[in-house]
Amino acid sequence: MLPCQTRCASYQPGCHKTCARWRRFQAEQRTQREAKKRYLRYHTERCSQIVRQFQALQVRSPGW
């Protein structure tokens, strides 16, 4: 079910393909998804880097 189906007074089946409000909504959603992806990518990279640094600092016992 489309979110505009219950809120839009001028809703008709298939109208979301040409509706300016729907396109604007989709563009906002796309922008939010991209921002979330950038945020997660940045913090995943940072956390991975910190984990690698901590692993490098661990005292390793000799394998002999």
C-alpha atoms as a PDB file:
ATOM      1  CA  MET A   1       0.000   0.000   0.000  1.00  0.00           C
ATOM      2  CA  LEU A   2       1.301   3.424  -0.932  1.00  0.00           C
ATOM      3  CA  PRO A   3       1.629   5.943   1.918  1.00  0.00           C
ATOM      4  CA  CYS A   4      -0.220   8.569  -0.123  1.00  0.00           C
ATOM      5  CA  GLN A   5      -3.191   6.277  -0.647  1.00  0.00           C
ATOM      6  CA  THR A   6      -4.730   7.071   2.744  1.00  0.00           C
ATOM      7  CA  ARG A   7      -3.657  10.730   3.016  1.00  0.00           C
ATOM      8  CA  CYS A   8      -4.092  12.124  -0.495  1.00  0.00           C
ATOM      9  CA  ALA A   9      -7.515  13.519  -1.365  1.00  0.00           C
ATOM     10  CA  SER A  10      -6.860  13.210  -5.085  1.00  0.00           C
ATOM     11  CA  TYR A  11      -5.617   9.601  -5.008  1.00  0.00           C
ATOM     12  CA  GLN A  12      -6.482   7.347  -7.942  1.00  0.00           C
ATOM     13  CA  PRO A  13      -4.937   3.961  -8.783  1.00  0.00           C
ATOM     14  CA  GLY A  14      -1.686   4.532 -10.671  1.00  0.00           C
ATOM     15  CA  CYS A  15      -1.552   8.283 -10.059  1.00  0.00           C
ATOM     16  CA  HIS A  16       1.640   7.996  -7.990  1.00  0.00           C
ATOM     17  CA  LYS A  17       3.619   7.534 -11.197  1.00  0.00           C
ATOM     18  CA  THR A  18       2.974  11.133 -12.256  1.00  0.00           C
ATOM     19  CA  CYS A  19       2.285  12.804  -8.890  1.00  0.00           C
ATOM     20  CA  ALA A  20       4.672  15.629  -7.956  1.00  0.00           C
ATOM     21  CA  ARG A  21       4.147  15.080  -4.220  1.00  0.00           C
ATOM     22  CA  TRP A  22       4.977  11.383  -4.593  1.00  0.00           C
ATOM     23  CA  ARG A  23       8.149  12.173  -6.538  1.00  0.00           C
ATOM     24  CA  ARG A  24       9.179  14.690  -3.882  1.00  0.00           C
ATOM     25  CA  PHE A  25       8.497  12.112  -1.149  1.00  0.00           C
ATOM     26  CA  GLN A  26      10.579   9.525  -3.023  1.00  0.00           C
ATOM     27  CA  ALA A  27      13.425  12.031  -3.455  1.00  0.00           C
ATOM     28  CA  GLU A  28      13.390  12.816   0.278  1.00  0.00           C
ATOM     29  CA  GLN A  29      13.432   9.105   1.099  1.00  0.00           C
ATOM     30  CA  ARG A  30      16.349   8.565  -1.281  1.00  0.00           C
ATOM     31  CA  THR A  31      18.262  11.440   0.344  1.00  0.00           C
ATOM     32  CA  GLN A  32      17.638  10.029   3.820  1.00  0.00           C
ATOM     33  CA  ARG A  33      18.748   6.541   2.767  1.00  0.00           C
ATOM     34  CA  GLU A  34      21.959   7.914   1.256  1.00  0.00           C
ATOM     35  CA  ALA A  35      22.677   9.923   4.420  1.00  0.00           C
ATOM     36  CA  LYS A  36      22.164   6.820   6.565  1.00  0.00           C
ATOM     37  CA  LYS A  37      24.440   4.786   4.293  1.00  0.00           C
ATOM     38  CA  ARG A  38      27.171   7.448   4.499  1.00  0.00           C
ATOM     39  CA  TYR A  39      26.829   7.544   8.289  1.00  0.00           C
ATOM     40  CA  LEU A  40      27.048   3.760   8.615  1.00  0.00           C
ATOM     41  CA  ARG A  41      29.935   3.499   6.148  1.00  0.00           C
ATOM     42  CA  TYR A  42      31.907   6.163   8.017  1.00  0.00           C
ATOM     43  CA  HIS A  43      31.352   4.663  11.466  1.00  0.00           C
ATOM     44  CA  THR A  44      31.905   1.086  10.312  1.00  0.00           C
ATOM     45  CA  GLU A  45      35.230   2.144   8.855  1.00  0.00           C
ATOM     46  CA  ARG A  46      36.190   3.987  12.039  1.00  0.00           C
ATOM     47  CA  CYS A  47      35.199   1.093  14.311  1.00  0.00           C
ATOM     48  CA  SER A  48      37.061  -1.396  12.135  1.00  0.00           C
ATOM     49  CA  GLN A  49      40.134   0.785  12.264  1.00  0.00           C
ATOM     50  CA  ILE A  50      39.972   0.993  16.067  1.00  0.00           C
ATOM     51  CA  VAL A  51      39.518  -2.779  16.364  1.00  0.00           C
ATOM     52  CA  ARG A  52      42.561  -3.352  14.165  1.00  0.00           C
ATOM     53  CA  GLN A  53      44.588  -0.912  16.282  1.00  0.00           C
ATOM     54  CA  PHE A  54      43.590  -2.658  19.514  1.00  0.00           C
ATOM     55  CA  GLN A  55      44.427  -6.047  18.031  1.00  0.00           C
ATOM     56  CA  ALA A  56      47.844  -4.730  17.014  1.00  0.00           C
ATOM     57  CA  LEU A  57      48.465  -3.539  20.574  1.00  0.00           C
ATOM     58  CA  GLN A  58      47.643  -6.892  22.168  1.00  0.00           C
ATOM     59  CA  VAL A  59      50.514  -8.739  23.765  1.00  0.00           C
ATOM     60  CA  ARG A  60      51.179 -11.852  21.772  1.00  0.00           C
ATOM     61  CA  SER A  61      52.724 -14.870  23.388  1.00  0.00           C
ATOM     62  CA  PRO A  62      55.500 -16.559  21.468  1.00  0.00           C
ATOM     63  CA  GLY A  63      54.332 -19.530  19.470  1.00  0.00           C
ATOM     64  CA  TRP A  64      57.252 -21.803  20.459  1.00  0.00           C
END
